[in-house]
Amino acid sequence: MTAAIASSKRRLLLAATAGAALAALAGCAAMRSVSSDVSTYGDWPPERKPGTYVFDRLPSQQARPAEADAAEAAARPALARAGFVPAPAGQAPDVLVQVGTHTTRTDYSPWGDPLWWPGGFGYWRQGPWLGSPWWFSARYDATRYEREVGVLIRDRASGKPLFEARASSEGNTPGSAQTLGAMFEAALMDFPKTGVNPRRVVVTPAEAAR
């Protein structure tokens, strides 16, 4: 009987391990696309072409040039797909473009929930457990990141804001340059049109890189 129980436990453990591996592979596949909630505003003149641009940095961005460089590099391909081109050196641009990124980290843990305190539901032997109490004990902590990118396009001559776009997404990583690039792509997907705010836009990073 003891050998049979041990064998059953091993089979269940192998099944759980295989399931975790499949979940990890599914997560990798999901990272092939980035889903963002996009909001756009503005009154871009219908007859106006995108034209040339330069990046315009706020004083706070000038104080952190490395972060500003990274944000601008991530946004540059999306601007190109929207029809904008960098202004040649020494020539006045048609528009000024401000871009920014922001990431918020949130740590989730069941151990801070009274539901998991000693004596509460899920407490067994040496501590909280997830799953079947008689053979398996597992603990986890989860970290989520809320990512946001923003674009503001202003007329260079008058300083008037012409178009503003924001895109937000969340995941279990801070977001690579590729992810941020896909979010900028989503933010400018419908330029110069606005639309229902917010709306879900899905971009494949591999496509965004082209």
Protein backbone atom coordinates (compact mmCIF):
# COMPACT_ATOMS: atom_id res chain seq x y z
CA MET A 1 0.00 0.00 0.00
CA THR A 2 2.81 2.40 0.93
CA ALA A 3 4.61 1.76 -2.38
CA ALA A 4 1.37 2.35 -4.30
CA ILE A 5 0.79 5.70 -2.54
CA ALA A 6 4.39 6.76 -3.20
CA SER A 7 4.03 5.85 -6.87
CA SER A 8 0.80 7.83 -7.09
CA LYS A 9 2.48 10.84 -5.51
CA ARG A 10 5.33 10.66 -8.01
CA ARG A 11 2.91 10.54 -10.94
CA LEU A 12 1.02 13.56 -9.64
CA LEU A 13 4.25 15.47 -9.08
CA LEU A 14 5.43 14.70 -12.61
CA ALA A 15 2.06 15.82 -13.97
CA ALA A 16 2.29 19.08 -12.02
CA THR A 17 5.84 19.68 -13.28
CA ALA A 18 4.80 19.03 -16.86
CA GLY A 19 1.87 21.40 -16.44
CA ALA A 20 4.15 24.14 -15.17
CA ALA A 21 6.48 23.64 -18.13
CA LEU A 22 3.58 23.89 -20.56
CA ALA A 23 2.38 27.06 -18.84
CA ALA A 24 5.84 28.56 -19.19
CA LEU A 25 5.90 27.73 -22.90
CA ALA A 26 2.46 29.26 -23.30
CA GLY A 27 3.73 32.39 -21.58
CA CYS A 28 6.64 32.61 -24.03
CA ALA A 29 4.23 32.27 -26.94
CA ALA A 30 2.00 34.98 -25.51
CA MET A 31 4.96 37.35 -25.41
CA ARG A 32 4.95 37.30 -29.19
CA SER A 33 2.19 39.91 -29.02
CA VAL A 34 1.62 42.91 -26.78
CA SER A 35 -1.92 44.00 -25.91
CA SER A 36 -2.28 47.66 -24.97
CA ASP A 37 -5.15 49.89 -23.92
CA VAL A 38 -4.85 52.94 -26.15
CA SER A 39 -6.36 56.42 -25.83
CA THR A 40 -5.84 59.18 -28.41
CA TYR A 41 -6.81 62.85 -28.44
CA GLY A 42 -6.32 65.85 -30.64
CA ASP A 43 -7.41 67.75 -33.71
CA TRP A 44 -4.85 67.05 -36.39
CA PRO A 45 -5.75 69.11 -39.51
CA PRO A 46 -7.06 66.67 -42.12
CA GLU A 47 -5.05 68.26 -44.93
CA ARG A 48 -1.77 68.30 -42.99
CA LYS A 49 0.92 65.73 -43.70
CA PRO A 50 3.03 64.28 -40.86
CA GLY A 51 6.23 66.06 -41.95
CA THR A 52 9.53 66.38 -40.10
CA TYR A 53 10.10 66.27 -36.35
CA VAL A 54 12.59 66.59 -33.55
CA PHE A 55 12.25 65.25 -30.03
CA ASP A 56 11.54 67.84 -27.37
CA ARG A 57 12.53 67.00 -23.80
CA LEU A 58 11.12 68.36 -20.56
CA PRO A 59 13.64 69.60 -17.96
CA SER A 60 13.05 66.42 -15.93
CA GLN A 61 13.88 64.33 -19.00
CA GLN A 62 16.99 66.39 -19.69
CA ALA A 63 18.16 65.50 -16.19
CA ARG A 64 17.89 61.77 -17.07
CA PRO A 65 19.29 61.57 -20.60
CA ALA A 66 19.76 57.79 -20.64
CA GLU A 67 16.05 57.20 -19.92
CA ALA A 68 15.05 59.81 -22.50
CA ASP A 69 17.33 58.24 -25.10
CA ALA A 70 15.75 54.82 -24.50
CA ALA A 71 12.20 56.18 -24.77
CA GLU A 72 12.97 58.07 -27.98
CA ALA A 73 14.69 55.03 -29.52
CA ALA A 74 11.61 52.90 -28.76
CA ALA A 75 9.26 55.51 -30.26
CA ARG A 76 11.26 56.30 -33.40
CA PRO A 77 10.08 53.31 -35.51
CA ALA A 78 6.43 54.00 -34.64
CA LEU A 79 6.82 57.63 -35.68
CA ALA A 80 8.35 56.51 -38.97
CA ARG A 81 5.40 54.19 -39.64
CA ALA A 82 3.04 57.08 -38.94
CA GLY A 83 4.78 59.07 -41.67
CA PHE A 84 7.15 61.29 -39.69
CA VAL A 85 10.81 61.72 -40.61
CA PRO A 86 13.59 63.27 -38.50
CA ALA A 87 14.33 66.86 -39.46
CA PRO A 88 17.70 67.25 -41.23
CA ALA A 89 20.38 68.88 -39.11
CA GLY A 90 20.14 72.65 -39.20
CA GLN A 91 16.56 72.71 -40.51
CA ALA A 92 13.50 73.69 -38.48
CA PRO A 93 11.11 70.74 -37.97
CA ASP A 94 7.40 70.80 -38.69
CA VAL A 95 6.49 69.38 -35.29
CA LEU A 96 7.98 68.80 -31.84
CA VAL A 97 7.49 65.36 -30.32
CA GLN A 98 7.59 64.55 -26.62
CA VAL A 99 7.63 60.90 -25.58
CA GLY A 100 7.78 59.22 -22.20
CA THR A 101 7.56 55.86 -20.49
CA HIS A 102 6.48 54.88 -16.99
CA THR A 103 6.50 51.55 -15.18
CA THR A 104 4.88 50.72 -11.83
CA ARG A 105 5.75 47.53 -9.95
CA THR A 106 3.26 45.77 -7.68
CA ASP A 107 4.14 42.74 -5.57
CA TYR A 108 1.34 40.32 -4.74
CA SER A 109 1.69 37.71 -2.02
CA PRO A 110 -0.94 35.51 -0.39
CA TRP A 111 1.03 35.57 2.85
CA GLY A 112 -0.19 39.08 3.62
CA ASP A 113 -3.81 37.96 3.36
CA PRO A 114 -5.50 36.91 6.64
CA LEU A 115 -7.03 34.05 4.66
CA TRP A 116 -3.57 32.46 4.72
CA TRP A 117 -2.61 33.21 8.31
CA PRO A 118 -1.87 30.30 10.68
CA GLY A 119 -5.11 28.58 11.56
CA GLY A 120 -6.91 30.00 8.55
CA PHE A 121 -7.99 28.24 5.39
CA GLY A 122 -5.11 26.66 3.53
CA TYR A 123 -2.83 26.34 6.53
CA TRP A 124 -1.38 22.87 6.92
CA ARG A 125 1.56 21.51 8.83
CA GLN A 126 4.44 23.99 8.46
CA GLY A 127 2.69 26.70 6.53
CA PRO A 128 0.24 27.75 3.79
CA TRP A 129 -0.25 25.39 0.90
CA LEU A 130 -1.72 25.39 -2.54
CA GLY A 131 -3.11 22.19 -3.98
CA SER A 132 -3.76 18.84 -2.35
CA PRO A 133 -2.79 19.00 1.38
CA TRP A 134 -1.83 15.36 1.75
CA TRP A 135 1.06 15.21 -0.66
CA PHE A 136 2.17 18.58 -2.02
CA SER A 137 2.99 22.01 -0.65
CA ALA A 138 3.82 25.06 -2.82
CA ARG A 139 4.36 28.74 -2.14
CA TYR A 140 4.46 31.61 -4.58
CA ASP A 141 4.85 35.36 -4.82
CA ALA A 142 3.81 37.29 -7.92
CA THR A 143 5.10 40.56 -9.30
CA ARG A 144 3.16 42.57 -11.86
CA TYR A 145 4.30 45.57 -13.85
CA GLU A 146 2.01 48.27 -15.21
CA ARG A 147 3.67 49.88 -18.23
CA GLU A 148 2.67 53.12 -19.95
CA VAL A 149 3.97 55.12 -22.88
CA GLY A 150 2.89 58.56 -24.04
CA VAL A 151 3.32 60.69 -27.16
CA LEU A 152 2.57 64.40 -27.54
CA ILE A 153 2.94 66.08 -30.95
CA ARG A 154 2.93 69.88 -31.12
CA ASP A 155 3.16 72.33 -33.99
CA ARG A 156 6.67 73.76 -33.93
CA ALA A 157 5.73 77.27 -35.05
CA SER A 158 2.76 77.88 -32.74
CA GLY A 159 3.41 75.33 -29.97
CA LYS A 160 -0.18 74.11 -30.29
CA PRO A 161 -0.77 70.47 -29.27
CA LEU A 162 -2.05 68.57 -32.29
CA PHE A 163 -2.12 64.94 -31.20
CA GLU A 164 -1.73 63.01 -27.95
CA ALA A 165 -1.65 59.25 -27.50
CA ARG A 166 -1.19 56.93 -24.54
CA ALA A 167 -0.86 53.17 -24.38
CA SER A 168 -0.77 50.98 -21.27
CA SER A 169 -0.17 47.29 -20.72
CA GLU A 170 0.75 44.97 -17.88
CA GLY A 171 2.80 41.84 -17.44
CA ASN A 172 5.29 40.03 -15.24
CA THR A 173 8.33 41.93 -16.61
CA PRO A 174 9.19 45.65 -16.65
CA GLY A 175 9.08 45.58 -20.43
CA SER A 176 11.96 45.31 -22.88
CA ALA A 177 12.78 47.88 -25.54
CA GLN A 178 10.88 45.63 -27.95
CA THR A 179 7.79 45.68 -25.73
CA LEU A 180 7.88 49.46 -25.38
CA GLY A 181 8.34 49.78 -29.13
CA ALA A 182 5.21 47.69 -29.67
CA MET A 183 3.32 49.92 -27.24
CA PHE A 184 4.39 53.06 -29.13
CA GLU A 185 3.29 51.31 -32.31
CA ALA A 186 -0.12 50.71 -30.72
CA ALA A 187 -0.35 54.32 -29.54
CA LEU A 188 0.22 55.66 -33.08
CA MET A 189 -1.58 52.84 -34.91
CA ASP A 190 -4.52 55.02 -36.02
CA PHE A 191 -2.69 58.35 -36.43
CA PRO A 192 -4.01 60.94 -37.15
CA LYS A 193 -7.42 59.54 -36.24
CA THR A 194 -8.71 59.34 -32.71
CA GLY A 195 -11.21 56.73 -31.58
CA VAL A 196 -13.02 55.07 -28.72
CA ASN A 197 -11.03 55.63 -25.53
CA PRO A 198 -9.67 53.37 -24.28
CA ARG A 199 -9.51 50.64 -26.92
CA ARG A 200 -7.50 47.44 -27.10
CA VAL A 201 -4.74 47.27 -29.72
CA VAL A 202 -2.58 44.15 -30.21
CA VAL A 203 0.84 44.47 -31.82
CA THR A 204 3.40 41.76 -32.55
CA PRO A 205 6.86 43.02 -31.50
CA ALA A 206 8.50 41.28 -34.47
CA GLU A 207 6.21 43.25 -36.79
CA ALA A 208 6.78 46.45 -34.86
CA ALA A 209 10.54 46.05 -35.33
CA ARG A 210 10.19 46.11 -39.11
